[in-house]
């Protein structure tokens, strides 16, 4: 109760009137505290993170997993600094969080992952007027001066053509050869390759069809236009003759005659069913290892003792595999 109200009440002689005024003030205060807006504003950062995650049900499992792995780190950091409410988030706190990440990680790509997801969440809070807009803008890639290279590097064309030449000679028609041809000449994501079935390959039309099938175990990064996800991941791509011949030979000679647990015929398979993403990555690790990458001995960073089946060779292309295949060019997309 402020001094003005106390002064006004002191000038009232009737005790009953004073009592009524005080009761009404209590009612007004209780009503204000219990309003939905105020209850939302009083929620803790932990509660708000859970609410944010619950509103992201239509995101891919990998995106949700990334939110679960990164955003709680910011919530914990804030709590360590005695901040549990969104209105208490300040620019110094966010700057301190960036300093903390830089002390923990050497990779700009890792720091960018944490700051990008924290920025997404803080923007969500800002849209609800729970923190200032300037807070999340601090976590801008350019503002932070981050220069991640992990997804921007690609295998040089000279190395790629050399690898493909050796694979065509010595491993023609293998899953490793067919996959490497597809990644270099088509440019799909590993997740997209993982989703392919044999019927998705149409050699007559020179097409591969990428379809979002979460109900039967495979998803595309951007889903489809009817799945309430951002963008449209479903598409047909035109593939080159080298890819067609490699995939055809693989299907005819080396692909195991298996189906997955949903009765689908995975294009890239092992004796146990659909080849996992980690298996597909391992095939590319081996294809780009020292045994297939035609480099001069003096320029090779591997001593030849590696075993790509269990360890990634120093020469293996790792940087682009979590995103776009092993190259940067886009395949031509045709209408569905």
C-alpha atoms as a PDB file:
ATOM      1  CA  UNK A   1       0.000   0.000   0.000  1.00  0.00           C
ATOM      2  CA  UNK A   2       1.553   3.288  -1.054  1.00  0.00           C
ATOM      3  CA  UNK A   3       1.684   6.487   1.030  1.00  0.00           C
ATOM      4  CA  UNK A   4      -1.039   8.271  -0.986  1.00  0.00           C
ATOM      5  CA  UNK A   5      -3.608   5.598  -0.215  1.00  0.00           C
ATOM      6  CA  UNK A   6      -2.619   5.605   3.451  1.00  0.00           C
ATOM      7  CA  UNK A   7      -3.090   9.386   3.540  1.00  0.00           C
ATOM      8  CA  UNK A   8      -6.531   9.155   1.899  1.00  0.00           C
ATOM      9  CA  UNK A   9      -7.678   6.447   4.297  1.00  0.00           C
ATOM     10  CA  UNK A  10      -6.544   8.540   7.283  1.00  0.00           C
ATOM     11  CA  UNK A  11      -8.988  11.277   6.262  1.00  0.00           C
ATOM     12  CA  UNK A  12     -11.988   8.897   6.331  1.00  0.00           C
ATOM     13  CA  UNK A  13     -13.787   8.917   9.706  1.00  0.00           C
ATOM     14  CA  UNK A  14     -16.135   5.976   9.078  1.00  0.00           C
ATOM     15  CA  UNK A  15     -14.477   2.632  10.059  1.00  0.00           C
ATOM     16  CA  UNK A  16     -16.942   0.643   7.937  1.00  0.00           C
ATOM     17  CA  UNK A  17     -16.000   2.630   4.812  1.00  0.00           C
ATOM     18  CA  UNK A  18     -12.298   2.039   5.483  1.00  0.00           C
ATOM     19  CA  UNK A  19     -12.932  -1.701   5.876  1.00  0.00           C
ATOM     20  CA  UNK A  20     -14.863  -1.855   2.571  1.00  0.00           C
ATOM     21  CA  UNK A  21     -12.064  -0.020   0.748  1.00  0.00           C
ATOM     22  CA  UNK A  22      -9.437  -2.376   2.142  1.00  0.00           C
ATOM     23  CA  UNK A  23     -11.464  -5.476   1.199  1.00  0.00           C
ATOM     24  CA  UNK A  24     -11.951  -4.185  -2.346  1.00  0.00           C
ATOM     25  CA  UNK A  25      -8.202  -3.556  -2.648  1.00  0.00           C
ATOM     26  CA  UNK A  26      -7.534  -7.134  -1.576  1.00  0.00           C
ATOM     27  CA  UNK A  27      -9.981  -8.430  -4.193  1.00  0.00           C
ATOM     28  CA  UNK A  28      -8.374  -6.311  -6.925  1.00  0.00           C
ATOM     29  CA  UNK A  29      -4.878  -7.505  -6.001  1.00  0.00           C
ATOM     30  CA  UNK A  30      -5.941 -11.162  -5.957  1.00  0.00           C
ATOM     31  CA  UNK A  31      -7.714 -10.813  -9.309  1.00  0.00           C
ATOM     32  CA  UNK A  32      -4.679  -9.203 -10.880  1.00  0.00           C
ATOM     33  CA  UNK A  33      -2.308 -11.882  -9.570  1.00  0.00           C
ATOM     34  CA  UNK A  34      -4.536 -14.713 -10.797  1.00  0.00           C
ATOM     35  CA  UNK A  35      -5.073 -13.371 -14.316  1.00  0.00           C
ATOM     36  CA  UNK A  36      -3.776 -15.677 -17.071  1.00  0.00           C
ATOM     37  CA  UNK A  37      -1.270 -13.080 -18.255  1.00  0.00           C
ATOM     38  CA  UNK A  38       0.280 -12.661 -14.807  1.00  0.00           C
ATOM     39  CA  UNK A  39       0.352 -16.399 -14.112  1.00  0.00           C
ATOM     40  CA  UNK A  40       2.174 -16.872 -17.420  1.00  0.00           C
ATOM     41  CA  UNK A  41       4.646 -14.094 -16.583  1.00  0.00           C
ATOM     42  CA  UNK A  42       5.347 -15.674 -13.194  1.00  0.00           C
ATOM     43  CA  UNK A  43       6.199 -19.051 -14.721  1.00  0.00           C
ATOM     44  CA  UNK A  44       9.790 -20.182 -14.292  1.00  0.00           C
ATOM     45  CA  UNK A  45      12.235 -20.532 -17.162  1.00  0.00           C
ATOM     46  CA  UNK A  46      12.064 -24.283 -16.745  1.00  0.00           C
ATOM     47  CA  UNK A  47       8.261 -24.248 -17.047  1.00  0.00           C
ATOM     48  CA  UNK A  48       8.412 -22.010 -20.089  1.00  0.00           C
ATOM     49  CA  UNK A  49      10.967 -24.239 -21.770  1.00  0.00           C
ATOM     50  CA  UNK A  50       8.633 -27.220 -21.294  1.00  0.00           C
ATOM     51  CA  UNK A  51       5.758 -25.211 -22.741  1.00  0.00           C
ATOM     52  CA  UNK A  52       7.894 -24.180 -25.717  1.00  0.00           C
ATOM     53  CA  UNK A  53       8.811 -27.826 -26.354  1.00  0.00           C
ATOM     54  CA  UNK A  54       5.180 -28.917 -26.141  1.00  0.00           C
ATOM     55  CA  UNK A  55       4.347 -26.395 -28.899  1.00  0.00           C
ATOM     56  CA  UNK A  56       6.968 -27.996 -31.169  1.00  0.00           C
ATOM     57  CA  UNK A  57       5.334 -31.401 -31.604  1.00  0.00           C
ATOM     58  CA  UNK A  58       5.329 -30.984 -35.386  1.00  0.00           C
ATOM     59  CA  UNK A  59       9.115 -30.618 -35.547  1.00  0.00           C
ATOM     60  CA  UNK A  60      11.263 -33.562 -36.572  1.00  0.00           C
ATOM     61  CA  UNK A  61      12.600 -35.855 -33.801  1.00  0.00           C
ATOM     62  CA  UNK A  62      16.143 -34.645 -34.511  1.00  0.00           C
ATOM     63  CA  UNK A  63      15.110 -30.985 -34.107  1.00  0.00           C
ATOM     64  CA  UNK A  64      13.277 -31.701 -30.855  1.00  0.00           C
ATOM     65  CA  UNK A  65      16.252 -33.721 -29.629  1.00  0.00           C
ATOM     66  CA  UNK A  66      18.498 -30.740 -30.364  1.00  0.00           C
ATOM     67  CA  UNK A  67      16.170 -28.445 -28.382  1.00  0.00           C
ATOM     68  CA  UNK A  68      16.263 -30.900 -25.464  1.00  0.00           C
ATOM     69  CA  UNK A  69      20.047 -31.043 -25.568  1.00  0.00           C
ATOM     70  CA  UNK A  70      20.789 -27.327 -25.873  1.00  0.00           C
ATOM     71  CA  UNK A  71      18.103 -25.078 -24.365  1.00  0.00           C
ATOM     72  CA  UNK A  72      18.214 -26.615 -20.851  1.00  0.00           C
ATOM     73  CA  UNK A  73      21.894 -25.624 -20.785  1.00  0.00           C
ATOM     74  CA  UNK A  74      20.828 -21.961 -20.923  1.00  0.00           C
ATOM     75  CA  UNK A  75      18.140 -22.543 -18.280  1.00  0.00           C
ATOM     76  CA  UNK A  76      20.733 -24.169 -15.987  1.00  0.00           C
ATOM     77  CA  UNK A  77      23.213 -21.364 -16.608  1.00  0.00           C
ATOM     78  CA  UNK A  78      20.558 -18.782 -15.705  1.00  0.00           C
ATOM     79  CA  UNK A  79      19.650 -20.715 -12.542  1.00  0.00           C
ATOM     80  CA  UNK A  80      23.329 -20.820 -11.536  1.00  0.00           C
ATOM     81  CA  UNK A  81      23.192 -17.031 -11.722  1.00  0.00           C
ATOM     82  CA  UNK A  82      20.042 -16.928  -9.555  1.00  0.00           C
ATOM     83  CA  UNK A  83      17.755 -16.136 -12.498  1.00  0.00           C
ATOM     84  CA  UNK A  84      14.624 -18.254 -12.859  1.00  0.00           C
ATOM     85  CA  UNK A  85      12.127 -15.786 -14.331  1.00  0.00           C
ATOM     86  CA  UNK A  86      12.106 -14.464 -17.921  1.00  0.00           C
ATOM     87  CA  UNK A  87      11.817 -10.822 -16.866  1.00  0.00           C
ATOM     88  CA  UNK A  88      15.185 -11.191 -15.132  1.00  0.00           C
ATOM     89  CA  UNK A  89      17.019 -12.203 -18.345  1.00  0.00           C
ATOM     90  CA  UNK A  90      19.405  -9.405 -19.287  1.00  0.00           C
ATOM     91  CA  UNK A  91      21.996  -8.628 -21.930  1.00  0.00           C
ATOM     92  CA  UNK A  92      24.874  -9.223 -19.477  1.00  0.00           C
ATOM     93  CA  UNK A  93      23.477 -12.682 -18.712  1.00  0.00           C
ATOM     94  CA  UNK A  94      23.287 -13.623 -22.398  1.00  0.00           C
ATOM     95  CA  UNK A  95      26.788 -12.272 -23.026  1.00  0.00           C
ATOM     96  CA  UNK A  96      28.056 -14.260 -20.062  1.00  0.00           C
ATOM     97  CA  UNK A  97      26.403 -17.372 -21.485  1.00  0.00           C
ATOM     98  CA  UNK A  98      28.270 -16.896 -24.774  1.00  0.00           C
ATOM     99  CA  UNK A  99      31.532 -16.486 -22.826  1.00  0.00           C
ATOM    100  CA  UNK A 100      30.722 -19.718 -20.981  1.00  0.00           C
ATOM    101  CA  UNK A 101      30.128 -21.618 -24.227  1.00  0.00           C
ATOM    102  CA  UNK A 102      33.362 -20.310 -25.690  1.00  0.00           C
ATOM    103  CA  UNK A 103      35.237 -21.540 -22.629  1.00  0.00           C
ATOM    104  CA  UNK A 104      33.619 -24.979 -22.943  1.00  0.00           C
ATOM    105  CA  UNK A 105      33.851 -25.583 -26.704  1.00  0.00           C
ATOM    106  CA  UNK A 106      36.498 -24.878 -29.315  1.00  0.00           C
ATOM    107  CA  UNK A 107      34.201 -25.413 -32.306  1.00  0.00           C
ATOM    108  CA  UNK A 108      32.269 -22.441 -33.661  1.00  0.00           C
ATOM    109  CA  UNK A 109      29.778 -24.909 -35.112  1.00  0.00           C
ATOM    110  CA  UNK A 110      28.990 -26.291 -31.633  1.00  0.00           C
ATOM    111  CA  UNK A 111      28.679 -22.823 -30.117  1.00  0.00           C
ATOM    112  CA  UNK A 112      26.392 -21.803 -32.974  1.00  0.00           C
ATOM    113  CA  UNK A 113      24.133 -24.790 -32.316  1.00  0.00           C
ATOM    114  CA  UNK A 114      23.677 -23.812 -28.661  1.00  0.00           C
ATOM    115  CA  UNK A 115      23.209 -20.095 -29.333  1.00  0.00           C
ATOM    116  CA  UNK A 116      20.899 -20.665 -32.305  1.00  0.00           C
ATOM    117  CA  UNK A 117      18.492 -22.779 -30.257  1.00  0.00           C
ATOM    118  CA  UNK A 118      18.642 -20.464 -27.255  1.00  0.00           C
ATOM    119  CA  UNK A 119      17.877 -17.579 -29.645  1.00  0.00           C
ATOM    120  CA  UNK A 120      14.834 -19.446 -31.005  1.00  0.00           C
ATOM    121  CA  UNK A 121      13.497 -19.940 -27.488  1.00  0.00           C
ATOM    122  CA  UNK A 122      14.217 -16.368 -26.362  1.00  0.00           C
ATOM    123  CA  UNK A 123      12.466 -15.087 -29.477  1.00  0.00           C
ATOM    124  CA  UNK A 124       9.458 -17.217 -28.495  1.00  0.00           C
ATOM    125  CA  UNK A 125       9.516 -15.560 -25.051  1.00  0.00           C
ATOM    126  CA  UNK A 126       9.848 -12.122 -26.627  1.00  0.00           C
ATOM    127  CA  UNK A 127       6.802 -12.705 -28.811  1.00  0.00           C
ATOM    128  CA  UNK A 128       4.868 -13.227 -25.568  1.00  0.00           C
ATOM    129  CA  UNK A 129       6.323 -10.037 -24.078  1.00  0.00           C
ATOM    130  CA  UNK A 130       8.166 -12.049 -21.433  1.00  0.00           C
ATOM    131  CA  UNK A 131      11.592 -10.694 -22.322  1.00  0.00           C
ATOM    132  CA  UNK A 132      12.895  -7.815 -24.399  1.00  0.00           C
ATOM    133  CA  UNK A 133      13.410  -8.289 -28.134  1.00  0.00           C
ATOM    134  CA  UNK A 134      16.970  -7.000 -27.891  1.00  0.00           C
ATOM    135  CA  UNK A 135      17.888 -10.007 -25.740  1.00  0.00           C
ATOM    136  CA  UNK A 136      17.513 -12.662 -28.407  1.00  0.00           C
ATOM    137  CA  UNK A 137      19.071 -10.447 -31.075  1.00  0.00           C
ATOM    138  CA  UNK A 138      22.376 -10.630 -29.196  1.00  0.00           C
ATOM    139  CA  UNK A 139      22.603 -14.294 -30.209  1.00  0.00           C
ATOM    140  CA  UNK A 140      22.921 -13.515 -33.896  1.00  0.00           C
ATOM    141  CA  UNK A 141      25.548 -15.480 -35.828  1.00  0.00           C
ATOM    142  CA  UNK A 142      27.072 -12.359 -37.352  1.00  0.00           C
ATOM    143  CA  UNK A 143      26.906 -10.442 -34.086  1.00  0.00           C
ATOM    144  CA  UNK A 144      28.797 -13.244 -32.326  1.00  0.00           C
ATOM    145  CA  UNK A 145      31.387 -13.426 -35.080  1.00  0.00           C
ATOM    146  CA  UNK A 146      31.001 -17.195 -35.452  1.00  0.00           C
ATOM    147  CA  UNK A 147      32.432 -18.750 -38.600  1.00  0.00           C
ATOM    148  CA  UNK A 148      31.485 -22.426 -38.512  1.00  0.00           C
ATOM    149  CA  UNK A 149      33.025 -24.436 -41.313  1.00  0.00           C
ATOM    150  CA  UNK A 150      31.581 -27.845 -40.574  1.00  0.00           C
ATOM    151  CA  UNK A 151      28.813 -27.711 -43.172  1.00  0.00           C
ATOM    152  CA  UNK A 152      30.429 -25.416 -45.678  1.00  0.00           C
ATOM    153  CA  UNK A 153      33.356 -27.619 -46.635  1.00  0.00           C
ATOM    154  CA  UNK A 154      33.011 -30.010 -49.538  1.00  0.00           C
ATOM    155  CA  UNK A 155      35.258 -32.611 -51.033  1.00  0.00           C
ATOM    156  CA  UNK A 156      37.203 -31.110 -53.984  1.00  0.00           C
ATOM    157  CA  UNK A 157      36.004 -32.206 -57.411  1.00  0.00           C
ATOM    158  CA  UNK A 158      39.402 -33.693 -58.301  1.00  0.00           C
ATOM    159  CA  UNK A 159      39.331 -35.923 -55.221  1.00  0.00           C
ATOM    160  CA  UNK A 160      35.696 -36.914 -55.761  1.00  0.00           C
ATOM    161  CA  UNK A 161      36.253 -37.933 -59.380  1.00  0.00           C
ATOM    162  CA  UNK A 162      39.314 -39.936 -58.342  1.00  0.00           C
ATOM    163  CA  UNK A 163      37.380 -41.745 -55.613  1.00  0.00           C
ATOM    164  CA  UNK A 164      34.500 -42.540 -57.975  1.00  0.00           C
ATOM    165  CA  UNK A 165      36.941 -43.801 -60.611  1.00  0.00           C
ATOM    166  CA  UNK A 166      38.482 -46.246 -58.123  1.00  0.00           C
ATOM    167  CA  UNK A 167      35.099 -47.367 -56.800  1.00  0.00           C
ATOM    168  CA  UNK A 168      33.831 -47.983 -60.342  1.00  0.00           C
ATOM    169  CA  UNK A 169      36.861 -50.166 -60.963  1.00  0.00           C
ATOM    170  CA  UNK A 170      37.034 -52.114 -57.700  1.00  0.00           C
ATOM    171  CA  UNK A 171      33.682 -51.847 -55.887  1.00  0.00           C
ATOM    172  CA  UNK A 172      31.257 -51.290 -58.747  1.00  0.00           C
ATOM    173  CA  UNK A 173      27.678 -52.063 -57.769  1.00  0.00           C
ATOM    174  CA  UNK A 174      28.387 -52.098 -54.036  1.00  0.00           C
ATOM    175  CA  UNK A 175      26.215 -50.131 -51.637  1.00  0.00           C
ATOM    176  CA  UNK A 176      29.202 -47.909 -50.904  1.00  0.00           C
ATOM    177  CA  UNK A 177      29.680 -47.163 -54.617  1.00  0.00           C
ATOM    178  CA  UNK A 178      25.980 -46.530 -55.331  1.00  0.00           C
ATOM    179  CA  UNK A 179      25.658 -44.258 -52.299  1.00  0.00           C
ATOM    180  CA  UNK A 180      28.768 -42.245 -53.171  1.00  0.00           C
ATOM    181  CA  UNK A 181      27.573 -41.783 -56.768  1.00  0.00           C
ATOM    182  CA  UNK A 182      24.204 -40.573 -55.487  1.00  0.00           C
ATOM    183  CA  UNK A 183      25.627 -38.168 -52.919  1.00  0.00           C
ATOM    184  CA  UNK A 184      28.061 -36.606 -55.363  1.00  0.00           C
ATOM    185  CA  UNK A 185      25.764 -36.377 -58.373  1.00  0.00           C
ATOM    186  CA  UNK A 186      22.430 -35.857 -56.599  1.00  0.00           C
ATOM    187  CA  UNK A 187      23.182 -33.988 -53.377  1.00  0.00           C
ATOM    188  CA  UNK A 188      20.496 -35.450 -51.051  1.00  0.00           C
ATOM    189  CA  UNK A 189      20.760 -35.455 -47.282  1.00  0.00           C
ATOM    190  CA  UNK A 190      21.718 -38.664 -45.519  1.00  0.00           C
ATOM    191  CA  UNK A 191      18.259 -38.640 -43.902  1.00  0.00           C
ATOM    192  CA  UNK A 192      16.677 -38.475 -47.352  1.00  0.00           C
ATOM    193  CA  UNK A 193      18.767 -41.403 -48.595  1.00  0.00           C
ATOM    194  CA  UNK A 194      17.763 -43.376 -45.512  1.00  0.00           C
ATOM    195  CA  UNK A 195      14.081 -42.876 -46.425  1.00  0.00           C
ATOM    196  CA  UNK A 196      14.340 -44.279 -49.968  1.00  0.00           C
ATOM    197  CA  UNK A 197      12.620 -47.512 -51.006  1.00  0.00           C
ATOM    198  CA  UNK A 198      13.308 -49.569 -54.126  1.00  0.00           C
ATOM    199  CA  UNK A 199      10.042 -48.337 -55.781  1.00  0.00           C
ATOM    200  CA  UNK A 200      11.250 -44.745 -55.285  1.00  0.00           C
ATOM    201  CA  UNK A 201      13.932 -45.425 -57.903  1.00  0.00           C
ATOM    202  CA  UNK A 202      12.623 -44.946 -61.456  1.00  0.00           C
ATOM    203  CA  UNK A 203      15.429 -45.566 -63.989  1.00  0.00           C
ATOM    204  CA  UNK A 204      13.134 -44.992 -66.985  1.00  0.00           C
ATOM    205  CA  UNK A 205      12.278 -41.473 -65.861  1.00  0.00           C
ATOM    206  CA  UNK A 206      15.771 -41.010 -64.360  1.00  0.00           C
ATOM    207  CA  UNK A 207      14.204 -40.010 -61.057  1.00  0.00           C
ATOM    208  CA  UNK A 208      14.430 -40.636 -57.357  1.00  0.00           C
ATOM    209  CA  UNK A 209      11.315 -39.851 -55.321  1.00  0.00           C
ATOM    210  CA  UNK A 210      11.743 -38.603 -51.758  1.00  0.00           C
ATOM    211  CA  UNK A 211       8.613 -39.065 -49.628  1.00  0.00           C
ATOM    212  CA  UNK A 212       7.807 -38.249 -46.003  1.00  0.00           C
ATOM    213  CA  UNK A 213       6.570 -41.452 -44.301  1.00  0.00           C
ATOM    214  CA  UNK A 214       6.755 -40.950 -40.526  1.00  0.00           C
ATOM    215  CA  UNK A 215       3.957 -43.462 -39.932  1.00  0.00           C
ATOM    216  CA  UNK A 216       6.197 -46.220 -41.308  1.00  0.00           C
ATOM    217  CA  UNK A 217       9.509 -45.250 -39.799  1.00  0.00           C
ATOM    218  CA  UNK A 218      11.166 -42.639 -42.052  1.00  0.00           C
ATOM    219  CA  UNK A 219      10.991 -38.870 -42.111  1.00  0.00           C
ATOM    220  CA  UNK A 220      12.295 -36.073 -44.291  1.00  0.00           C
ATOM    221  CA  UNK A 221      13.866 -33.045 -42.630  1.00  0.00           C
ATOM    222  CA  UNK A 222      11.141 -30.637 -43.803  1.00  0.00           C
ATOM    223  CA  UNK A 223       8.297 -33.130 -43.969  1.00  0.00           C
ATOM    224  CA  UNK A 224       5.680 -32.442 -46.613  1.00  0.00           C
ATOM    225  CA  UNK A 225       3.339 -29.580 -47.341  1.00  0.00           C
ATOM    226  CA  UNK A 226       0.453 -31.294 -45.536  1.00  0.00           C
ATOM    227  CA  UNK A 227       2.292 -32.288 -42.345  1.00  0.00           C
ATOM    228  CA  UNK A 228       2.330 -28.898 -40.596  1.00  0.00           C
ATOM    229  CA  UNK A 229       6.091 -28.653 -40.925  1.00  0.00           C
ATOM    230  CA  UNK A 230       8.088 -25.756 -42.303  1.00  0.00           C
ATOM    231  CA  UNK A 231       8.809 -26.193 -45.989  1.00  0.00           C
ATOM    232  CA  UNK A 232       8.234 -29.108 -48.302  1.00  0.00           C
ATOM    233  CA  UNK A 233      10.766 -31.925 -48.078  1.00  0.00           C
ATOM    234  CA  UNK A 234       9.011 -34.168 -50.590  1.00  0.00           C
ATOM    235  CA  UNK A 235      10.383 -33.930 -54.114  1.00  0.00           C
ATOM    236  CA  UNK A 236      11.545 -35.853 -57.162  1.00  0.00           C
ATOM    237  CA  UNK A 237      15.106 -35.335 -58.359  1.00  0.00           C
ATOM    238  CA  UNK A 238      16.596 -36.108 -61.751  1.00  0.00           C
ATOM    239  CA  UNK A 239      19.680 -38.329 -61.451  1.00  0.00           C
ATOM    240  CA  UNK A 240      22.546 -38.843 -63.870  1.00  0.00           C
ATOM    241  CA  UNK A 241      23.283 -41.980 -65.859  1.00  0.00           C
ATOM    242  CA  UNK A 242      26.240 -42.818 -63.585  1.00  0.00           C
ATOM    243  CA  UNK A 243      23.900 -42.897 -60.575  1.00  0.00           C
ATOM    244  CA  UNK A 244      21.276 -44.940 -62.404  1.00  0.00           C
ATOM    245  CA  UNK A 245      23.725 -47.623 -63.528  1.00  0.00           C
ATOM    246  CA  UNK A 246      25.333 -47.839 -60.063  1.00  0.00           C
ATOM    247  CA  UNK A 247      21.975 -48.209 -58.282  1.00  0.00           C
ATOM    248  CA  UNK A 248      20.656 -50.702 -60.830  1.00  0.00           C
ATOM    249  CA  UNK A 249      23.751 -52.888 -60.507  1.00  0.00           C
ATOM    250  CA  UNK A 250      23.578 -52.639 -56.710  1.00  0.00           C
ATOM    251  CA  UNK A 251      19.942 -53.787 -56.693  1.00  0.00           C
ATOM    252  CA  UNK A 252      20.668 -56.655 -59.089  1.00  0.00           C
ATOM    253  CA  UNK A 253      23.832 -57.962 -57.467  1.00  0.00           C
ATOM    254  CA  UNK A 254      24.496 -56.836 -53.895  1.00  0.00           C
ATOM    255  CA  UNK A 255      21.354 -55.478 -52.297  1.00  0.00           C
ATOM    256  CA  UNK A 256      20.018 -57.995 -49.737  1.00  0.00           C
ATOM    257  CA  UNK A 257      16.490 -59.180 -50.529  1.00  0.00           C
ATOM    258  CA  UNK A 258      14.985 -57.830 -47.313  1.00  0.00           C
ATOM    259  CA  UNK A 259      12.099 -55.716 -46.078  1.00  0.00           C
ATOM    260  CA  UNK A 260      11.957 -53.525 -42.996  1.00  0.00           C
ATOM    261  CA  UNK A 261       9.610 -53.925 -40.042  1.00  0.00           C
ATOM    262  CA  UNK A 262       6.864 -52.128 -41.978  1.00  0.00           C
ATOM    263  CA  UNK A 263       7.108 -54.422 -44.994  1.00  0.00           C
ATOM    264  CA  UNK A 264       8.826 -51.759 -47.112  1.00  0.00           C
ATOM    265  CA  UNK A 265      11.756 -52.515 -49.434  1.00  0.00           C
ATOM    266  CA  UNK A 266      14.547 -50.132 -48.412  1.00  0.00           C
ATOM    267  CA  UNK A 267      16.763 -49.095 -51.294  1.00  0.00           C
ATOM    268  CA  UNK A 268      19.912 -49.141 -49.197  1.00  0.00           C
ATOM    269  CA  UNK A 269      19.816 -52.193 -46.987  1.00  0.00           C
ATOM    270  CA  UNK A 270      21.802 -54.649 -44.910  1.00  0.00           C
ATOM    271  CA  UNK A 271      20.906 -58.235 -44.086  1.00  0.00           C
ATOM    272  CA  UNK A 272      18.988 -56.876 -41.092  1.00  0.00           C
ATOM    273  CA  UNK A 273      16.772 -54.478 -43.058  1.00  0.00           C
ATOM    274  CA  UNK A 274      16.982 -50.758 -43.780  1.00  0.00           C
ATOM    275  CA  UNK A 275      20.523 -49.394 -43.498  1.00  0.00           C
ATOM    276  CA  UNK A 276      20.654 -46.955 -40.580  1.00  0.00           C
ATOM    277  CA  UNK A 277      21.943 -43.415 -40.936  1.00  0.00           C
ATOM    278  CA  UNK A 278      25.097 -44.384 -39.060  1.00  0.00           C
ATOM    279  CA  UNK A 279      25.668 -47.260 -41.504  1.00  0.00           C
ATOM    280  CA  UNK A 280      25.260 -44.919 -44.470  1.00  0.00           C
ATOM    281  CA  UNK A 281      27.736 -42.502 -42.912  1.00  0.00           C
ATOM    282  CA  UNK A 282      30.208 -45.318 -42.330  1.00  0.00           C
ATOM    283  CA  UNK A 283      29.981 -46.280 -46.020  1.00  0.00           C
ATOM    284  CA  UNK A 284      30.950 -42.725 -46.948  1.00  0.00           C
ATOM    285  CA  UNK A 285      33.716 -42.627 -44.345  1.00  0.00           C
ATOM    286  CA  UNK A 286      35.196 -45.712 -45.975  1.00  0.00           C
ATOM    287  CA  UNK A 287      34.651 -44.458 -49.544  1.00  0.00           C
ATOM    288  CA  UNK A 288      36.548 -41.244 -48.777  1.00  0.00           C
ATOM    289  CA  UNK A 289      39.273 -42.871 -46.678  1.00  0.00           C
ATOM    290  CA  UNK A 290      42.933 -43.166 -47.668  1.00  0.00           C
ATOM    291  CA  UNK A 291      42.367 -46.460 -49.470  1.00  0.00           C
ATOM    292  CA  UNK A 292      40.082 -44.853 -52.061  1.00  0.00           C
ATOM    293  CA  UNK A 293      41.106 -41.202 -51.962  1.00  0.00           C
ATOM    294  CA  UNK A 294      43.901 -40.904 -54.601  1.00  0.00           C
ATOM    295  CA  UNK A 295      46.247 -38.464 -52.877  1.00  0.00           C
ATOM    296  CA  UNK A 296      50.004 -38.280 -53.065  1.00  0.00           C
ATOM    297  CA  UNK A 297      51.633 -40.034 -50.130  1.00  0.00           C
ATOM    298  CA  UNK A 298      53.372 -36.814 -49.107  1.00  0.00           C
ATOM    299  CA  UNK A 299      50.032 -34.995 -48.890  1.00  0.00           C
ATOM    300  CA  UNK A 300      48.122 -37.759 -47.084  1.00  0.00           C
ATOM    301  CA  UNK A 301      47.404 -37.254 -43.399  1.00  0.00           C
ATOM    302  CA  UNK A 302      46.842 -40.974 -42.780  1.00  0.00           C
ATOM    303  CA  UNK A 303      49.637 -43.507 -42.258  1.00  0.00           C
ATOM    304  CA  UNK A 304      47.550 -46.302 -43.755  1.00  0.00           C
ATOM    305  CA  UNK A 305      46.898 -48.047 -40.452  1.00  0.00           C
ATOM    306  CA  UNK A 306      43.274 -46.893 -40.147  1.00  0.00           C
ATOM    307  CA  UNK A 307      40.262 -49.185 -40.237  1.00  0.00           C
ATOM    308  CA  UNK A 308      37.240 -47.215 -41.517  1.00  0.00           C
ATOM    309  CA  UNK A 309      34.933 -50.008 -40.343  1.00  0.00           C
ATOM    310  CA  UNK A 310      35.723 -49.056 -36.750  1.00  0.00           C
ATOM    311  CA  UNK A 311      37.581 -45.726 -36.928  1.00  0.00           C
ATOM    312  CA  UNK A 312      37.185 -42.727 -39.202  1.00  0.00           C
ATOM    313  CA  UNK A 313      40.276 -42.281 -41.354  1.00  0.00           C
ATOM    314  CA  UNK A 314      41.856 -38.797 -41.127  1.00  0.00           C
ATOM    315  CA  UNK A 315      41.220 -38.457 -44.862  1.00  0.00           C
ATOM    316  CA  UNK A 316      37.508 -39.292 -44.579  1.00  0.00           C
ATOM    317  CA  UNK A 317      35.010 -36.574 -45.434  1.00  0.00           C
ATOM    318  CA  UNK A 318      33.070 -35.939 -42.232  1.00  0.00           C
ATOM    319  CA  UNK A 319      32.041 -32.282 -42.353  1.00  0.00           C
ATOM    320  CA  UNK A 320      29.102 -32.386 -44.756  1.00  0.00           C
ATOM    321  CA  UNK A 321      27.621 -35.726 -43.817  1.00  0.00           C
ATOM    322  CA  UNK A 322      25.262 -34.363 -41.205  1.00  0.00           C
ATOM    323  CA  UNK A 323      23.750 -32.090 -43.815  1.00  0.00           C
ATOM    324  CA  UNK A 324      24.141 -32.306 -47.565  1.00  0.00           C
ATOM    325  CA  UNK A 325      25.858 -35.458 -48.881  1.00  0.00           C
ATOM    326  CA  UNK A 326      29.447 -34.774 -49.859  1.00  0.00           C
ATOM    327  CA  UNK A 327      29.043 -31.864 -52.262  1.00  0.00           C
ATOM    328  CA  UNK A 328      27.373 -28.498 -52.629  1.00  0.00           C
ATOM    329  CA  UNK A 329      25.621 -28.546 -56.004  1.00  0.00           C
ATOM    330  CA  UNK A 330      21.843 -28.999 -56.133  1.00  0.00           C
ATOM    331  CA  UNK A 331      20.258 -31.699 -58.274  1.00  0.00           C
ATOM    332  CA  UNK A 332      17.518 -30.608 -60.648  1.00  0.00           C
ATOM    333  CA  UNK A 333      14.122 -31.017 -59.006  1.00  0.00           C
ATOM    334  CA  UNK A 334      11.062 -32.024 -61.011  1.00  0.00           C
ATOM    335  CA  UNK A 335       7.425 -31.566 -60.127  1.00  0.00           C
ATOM    336  CA  UNK A 336       5.809 -34.292 -58.050  1.00  0.00           C
END
